[in-house]
Protein backbone atom coordinates (compact mmCIF):
# COMPACT_ATOMS: atom_id res chain seq x y z
CA UNK A 1 89.43 66.71 -73.41
CA UNK A 2 85.77 67.51 -74.16
CA UNK A 3 82.81 67.01 -71.89
CA UNK A 4 81.45 63.42 -72.04
CA UNK A 5 78.22 63.09 -74.00
CA UNK A 6 76.46 61.59 -70.96
CA UNK A 7 77.30 64.67 -68.92
CA UNK A 8 75.99 66.94 -71.67
CA UNK A 9 72.71 65.02 -71.83
CA UNK A 10 72.40 65.05 -68.04
CA UNK A 11 72.87 68.82 -68.05
CA UNK A 12 70.27 69.17 -70.80
CA UNK A 13 67.86 67.07 -68.74
CA UNK A 14 68.27 69.39 -65.76
CA UNK A 15 67.76 72.44 -67.97
CA UNK A 16 64.68 70.93 -69.63
CA UNK A 17 63.09 70.08 -66.30
CA UNK A 18 63.88 73.56 -65.04
CA UNK A 19 62.31 75.01 -68.19
CA UNK A 20 59.07 73.05 -67.60
CA UNK A 21 58.83 74.45 -64.07
CA UNK A 22 59.89 77.97 -65.04
CA UNK A 23 57.44 78.13 -67.93
CA UNK A 24 54.63 77.06 -65.61
CA UNK A 25 55.45 79.74 -63.05
CA UNK A 26 56.19 82.57 -65.50
CA UNK A 27 53.46 81.80 -68.03
CA UNK A 28 49.83 82.83 -67.76
CA UNK A 29 48.50 79.37 -66.90
CA UNK A 30 45.26 79.73 -64.99
CA UNK A 31 44.85 83.40 -65.87
CA UNK A 32 41.12 82.87 -66.52
CA UNK A 33 40.78 81.81 -62.87
CA UNK A 34 42.78 84.74 -61.51
CA UNK A 35 45.75 82.51 -60.70
CA UNK A 36 49.02 84.44 -60.38
CA UNK A 37 52.71 83.62 -60.67
CA UNK A 38 53.07 83.48 -56.85
CA UNK A 39 50.14 81.02 -56.76
CA UNK A 40 51.87 78.80 -59.31
CA UNK A 41 55.23 79.09 -57.53
CA UNK A 42 53.63 78.00 -54.27
CA UNK A 43 51.95 75.11 -56.07
CA UNK A 44 55.28 73.86 -57.45
CA UNK A 45 56.80 74.11 -53.97
CA UNK A 46 53.99 72.08 -52.46
CA UNK A 47 54.27 69.48 -55.22
CA UNK A 48 57.95 69.07 -54.44
CA UNK A 49 57.37 68.74 -50.70
CA UNK A 50 54.64 66.15 -51.27
CA UNK A 51 56.88 64.06 -53.49
CA UNK A 52 59.63 64.16 -50.89
CA UNK A 53 57.24 62.95 -48.20
CA UNK A 54 55.28 60.28 -50.09
CA UNK A 55 56.58 57.59 -52.48
CA UNK A 56 55.54 58.69 -55.94
CA UNK A 57 55.68 57.11 -59.37
CA UNK A 58 55.60 60.53 -61.06
CA UNK A 59 57.91 63.51 -60.79
CA UNK A 60 57.14 67.09 -59.83
CA UNK A 61 57.71 68.18 -63.43
CA UNK A 62 55.28 65.58 -64.76
CA UNK A 63 52.66 66.63 -62.21
CA UNK A 64 53.18 70.25 -63.25
CA UNK A 65 52.27 69.30 -66.83
CA UNK A 66 49.06 67.75 -65.51
CA UNK A 67 48.34 70.85 -63.43
CA UNK A 68 48.91 73.01 -66.49
CA UNK A 69 46.23 71.02 -68.31
CA UNK A 70 43.80 71.41 -65.41
CA UNK A 71 44.37 75.18 -65.33
CA UNK A 72 43.84 75.35 -69.11
CA UNK A 73 40.25 74.04 -68.94
CA UNK A 74 37.96 77.07 -69.46
CA UNK A 75 36.01 78.06 -66.32
CA UNK A 76 32.74 77.71 -68.23
CA UNK A 77 33.50 74.05 -69.01
CA UNK A 78 31.91 71.67 -66.54
CA UNK A 79 33.68 68.52 -65.48
CA UNK A 80 35.64 66.65 -62.85
CA UNK A 81 39.27 65.59 -62.95
CA UNK A 82 39.62 61.81 -62.73
CA UNK A 83 42.72 59.97 -61.60
CA UNK A 84 42.96 56.21 -62.14
CA UNK A 85 45.78 54.55 -60.22
CA UNK A 86 47.12 56.51 -57.26
CA UNK A 87 49.55 54.20 -55.38
CA UNK A 88 50.22 56.03 -52.05
CA UNK A 89 48.39 59.23 -53.04
CA UNK A 90 51.24 61.64 -53.83
CA UNK A 91 49.86 62.56 -57.24
CA UNK A 92 46.34 62.61 -55.78
CA UNK A 93 47.41 65.15 -53.15
CA UNK A 94 49.05 67.37 -55.73
CA UNK A 95 46.27 67.13 -58.29
CA UNK A 96 43.81 68.01 -55.50
CA UNK A 97 45.77 71.24 -54.95
CA UNK A 98 45.46 72.13 -58.64
CA UNK A 99 41.76 71.29 -58.55
CA UNK A 100 41.38 73.52 -55.53
CA UNK A 101 42.71 76.48 -57.49
CA UNK A 102 40.06 76.05 -60.19
CA UNK A 103 37.18 74.75 -58.08
CA UNK A 104 36.97 71.24 -59.53
CA UNK A 105 36.38 67.86 -57.95
CA UNK A 106 39.10 65.20 -58.10
CA UNK A 107 37.79 61.65 -58.42
CA UNK A 108 40.46 59.20 -57.22
CA UNK A 109 39.90 55.69 -58.57
CA UNK A 110 41.97 52.71 -57.45
CA UNK A 111 41.57 49.14 -56.31
CA UNK A 112 43.50 50.16 -53.17
CA UNK A 113 44.78 46.57 -53.35
CA UNK A 114 47.54 47.03 -55.91
CA UNK A 115 47.63 45.57 -59.42
CA UNK A 116 45.33 42.71 -60.40
CA UNK A 117 46.69 39.31 -61.43
CA UNK A 118 47.80 39.12 -65.07
CA UNK A 119 50.25 36.21 -65.02
CA UNK A 120 53.96 36.34 -65.70
CA UNK A 121 54.10 38.56 -68.77
CA UNK A 122 57.01 40.67 -69.92
CA UNK A 123 56.46 44.43 -70.31
CA UNK A 124 58.77 46.49 -72.47
CA UNK A 125 59.42 50.17 -73.08
CA UNK A 126 61.48 49.90 -76.30
CA UNK A 127 62.55 53.54 -76.56
CA UNK A 128 63.88 53.53 -73.00
CA UNK A 129 65.32 50.02 -73.33
CA UNK A 130 63.48 48.85 -70.22
CA UNK A 131 61.74 45.55 -69.56
CA UNK A 132 60.25 43.88 -66.52
CA UNK A 133 57.28 42.16 -64.94
CA UNK A 134 54.34 43.08 -62.76
CA UNK A 135 52.85 40.91 -60.08
CA UNK A 136 49.59 40.95 -58.18
CA UNK A 137 49.48 43.54 -55.40
CA UNK A 138 52.28 45.78 -56.68
CA UNK A 139 51.78 49.52 -56.07
CA UNK A 140 49.29 48.92 -53.27
CA UNK A 141 48.16 51.72 -51.00
CA UNK A 142 45.15 51.26 -48.78
CA UNK A 143 42.25 53.67 -48.97
CA UNK A 144 42.97 54.79 -45.41
CA UNK A 145 46.64 55.46 -46.21
CA UNK A 146 45.86 57.37 -49.39
CA UNK A 147 43.14 59.43 -47.72
CA UNK A 148 45.53 60.25 -44.85
CA UNK A 149 48.28 61.34 -47.24
CA UNK A 150 45.92 63.53 -49.25
CA UNK A 151 44.51 65.08 -46.07
CA UNK A 152 48.03 65.91 -44.90
CA UNK A 153 49.48 67.22 -48.15
CA UNK A 154 46.53 68.15 -50.37
CA UNK A 155 42.86 69.13 -50.23
CA UNK A 156 41.01 65.98 -49.27
CA UNK A 157 37.71 67.90 -49.31
CA UNK A 158 38.13 68.21 -53.08
CA UNK A 159 38.34 64.43 -53.47
CA UNK A 160 35.91 61.62 -54.05
CA UNK A 161 37.41 58.13 -53.65
CA UNK A 162 36.13 55.28 -55.83
CA UNK A 163 37.51 51.91 -54.68
CA UNK A 164 37.52 48.74 -56.77
CA UNK A 165 38.95 47.33 -59.97
CA UNK A 166 38.26 49.58 -62.93
CA UNK A 167 36.17 47.07 -64.91
CA UNK A 168 33.48 47.44 -62.25
CA UNK A 169 34.13 50.59 -60.20
CA UNK A 170 34.28 53.09 -63.08
CA UNK A 171 30.75 52.22 -64.11
CA UNK A 172 29.65 54.52 -61.27
CA UNK A 173 31.08 57.58 -63.04
CA UNK A 174 28.27 59.76 -64.38
CA UNK A 175 29.37 63.41 -64.32
CA UNK A 176 31.23 65.17 -67.16
CA UNK A 177 35.01 64.74 -67.08
CA UNK A 178 37.27 67.68 -67.95
CA UNK A 179 40.56 65.75 -67.76
CA UNK A 180 41.73 62.30 -66.76
CA UNK A 181 45.09 60.89 -65.70
CA UNK A 182 45.73 57.16 -65.96
CA UNK A 183 48.65 55.52 -64.19
CA UNK A 184 47.41 51.95 -64.49
CA UNK A 185 50.37 50.01 -65.96
CA UNK A 186 48.32 47.35 -67.77
CA UNK A 187 46.76 47.45 -71.25
CA UNK A 188 43.63 45.73 -69.92
CA UNK A 189 43.23 48.42 -67.25
CA UNK A 190 43.81 51.15 -69.84
CA UNK A 191 40.96 49.72 -71.92
CA UNK A 192 38.69 49.47 -68.86
CA UNK A 193 39.36 53.15 -68.11
CA UNK A 194 38.75 54.30 -71.68
CA UNK A 195 35.41 52.47 -71.87
CA UNK A 196 34.06 54.45 -68.91
CA UNK A 197 35.90 57.76 -69.18
CA UNK A 198 35.86 58.58 -72.90
CA UNK A 199 32.05 58.89 -73.25
CA UNK A 200 32.01 61.36 -70.32
CA UNK A 201 35.04 63.35 -71.47
CA UNK A 202 34.17 66.87 -72.60
CA UNK A 203 34.98 68.00 -76.12
CA UNK A 204 38.61 69.11 -76.14
CA UNK A 205 39.33 67.24 -72.92
CA UNK A 206 42.43 65.08 -72.59
CA UNK A 207 43.24 61.66 -71.19
CA UNK A 208 46.87 61.60 -70.01
CA UNK A 209 48.67 58.38 -69.16
CA UNK A 210 51.91 57.62 -67.38
CA UNK A 211 52.38 54.56 -69.59
CA UNK A 212 53.49 56.24 -72.83
CA UNK A 213 56.56 54.04 -73.18
CA UNK A 214 54.67 50.74 -72.94
CA UNK A 215 53.38 50.17 -76.46
CA UNK A 216 50.87 47.58 -75.21
CA UNK A 217 49.20 50.39 -73.23
CA UNK A 218 49.47 52.83 -76.15
CA UNK A 219 48.23 50.46 -78.86
CA UNK A 220 44.50 50.67 -77.92
CA UNK A 221 44.49 54.41 -78.69
CA UNK A 222 45.18 53.56 -82.36
CA UNK A 223 43.05 50.40 -82.64
CA UNK A 224 40.06 51.46 -84.74
CA UNK A 225 38.41 48.02 -84.47
CA UNK A 226 38.52 48.30 -80.66
CA UNK A 227 37.00 51.80 -80.73
CA UNK A 228 34.28 50.69 -83.15
CA UNK A 229 33.38 47.75 -80.92
CA UNK A 230 33.61 49.46 -77.53
CA UNK A 231 32.88 53.15 -78.04
CA UNK A 232 31.56 53.58 -81.57
CA UNK A 233 33.83 56.48 -82.49
CA UNK A 234 37.15 57.15 -84.25
CA UNK A 235 40.34 56.09 -82.48
CA UNK A 236 41.98 59.31 -81.20
CA UNK A 237 45.63 58.29 -81.48
CA UNK A 238 48.15 59.17 -78.81
CA UNK A 239 50.65 62.03 -78.50
CA UNK A 240 53.95 60.78 -77.10
CA UNK A 241 53.61 57.19 -78.25
CA UNK A 242 56.67 55.17 -77.24
CA UNK A 243 58.90 58.02 -76.09
CA UNK A 244 56.58 60.33 -74.14
CA UNK A 245 56.26 64.10 -74.22
CA UNK A 246 59.55 66.02 -74.70
CA UNK A 247 60.19 66.75 -71.03
CA UNK A 248 63.87 65.76 -71.16
CA UNK A 249 66.41 64.63 -73.81
CA UNK A 250 65.93 60.93 -73.11
CA UNK A 251 62.40 59.79 -72.48
CA UNK A 252 59.30 60.59 -70.48
CA UNK A 253 56.47 58.32 -69.44
CA UNK A 254 53.73 60.90 -70.05
CA UNK A 255 51.53 61.14 -73.15
CA UNK A 256 47.92 61.96 -73.95
CA UNK A 257 44.94 61.66 -76.27
CA UNK A 258 42.56 64.56 -76.79
CA UNK A 259 38.87 64.26 -77.61
CA UNK A 260 38.26 66.21 -80.79
CA UNK A 261 35.21 64.95 -82.62
CA UNK A 262 35.15 67.70 -85.25
CA UNK A 263 37.78 69.78 -87.03
CA UNK A 264 37.54 73.40 -85.91
CA UNK A 265 39.83 75.55 -88.10
CA UNK A 266 39.16 78.60 -85.91
CA UNK A 267 40.93 76.79 -83.05
CA UNK A 268 44.04 75.86 -85.04
CA UNK A 269 46.95 77.85 -86.46
CA UNK A 270 48.06 77.96 -90.08
CA UNK A 271 51.65 77.08 -90.99
CA UNK A 272 53.73 79.02 -93.50
CA UNK A 273 55.00 75.85 -95.20
CA UNK A 274 51.53 74.40 -95.92
CA UNK A 275 49.00 75.03 -98.70
CA UNK A 276 45.58 76.65 -98.16
CA UNK A 277 43.16 76.76 -101.15
CA UNK A 278 41.53 79.97 -99.90
CA UNK A 279 44.80 81.78 -100.58
CA UNK A 280 44.48 81.24 -104.32
CA UNK A 281 43.36 84.21 -106.36
CA UNK A 282 40.64 83.35 -108.87
């Protein structure tokens, strides 16, 4: 009798997660900052310990992908890392460790009161086959609790805390942003974050979200009318729409949009199966 398909997929999931972690440790991520494989191995270990100690909505592997993005920002590029939605502060603690390695500030933005009221509205993640509801106050962590958790498990000195609902609090952001991570659950909150963060995002910078499976949260990234009205620029689209980045054989909640206002062929690779006019001989 053969191995059940579910067991095969579960084994693939373990191997894929292990590959994400192994690639991070063995690769040259952060080389421009002098970060070594032992540094990255220690970082993964600390991420895992943090997630065991603090309730977290994101996994160690997902946080490693975010850390990889932070380490990929060139040292000459100015900008903070912004996190919107932190729950109890597990991801904040771990992102603060990554920011510490590259000398960046982490701006932690949250109501510190949980989710706002949105009424009884069904949320679906079609690819994962999941549905459910949010209610006011879910995912609440007080500012004192989050600050304590970051101080214990991260680098609280790297952090600036911005309390309040995003429609108001994010208006205080003024410095360049190198990368942002949104874990905000609601489409309205996603839009509030984009209005304030996108204009400050550096060229080539990315906005990651933990809501890739919720198409209501993804849809604004493709809505050109919304971008025309709110930000006056092309809609960037979203990598991982519906199913997330390929971090396991099933589904991941992580996706991103990257700010690229101009096509730079010197920063892209050519593909053997595509056509390039310059290759023609006159």
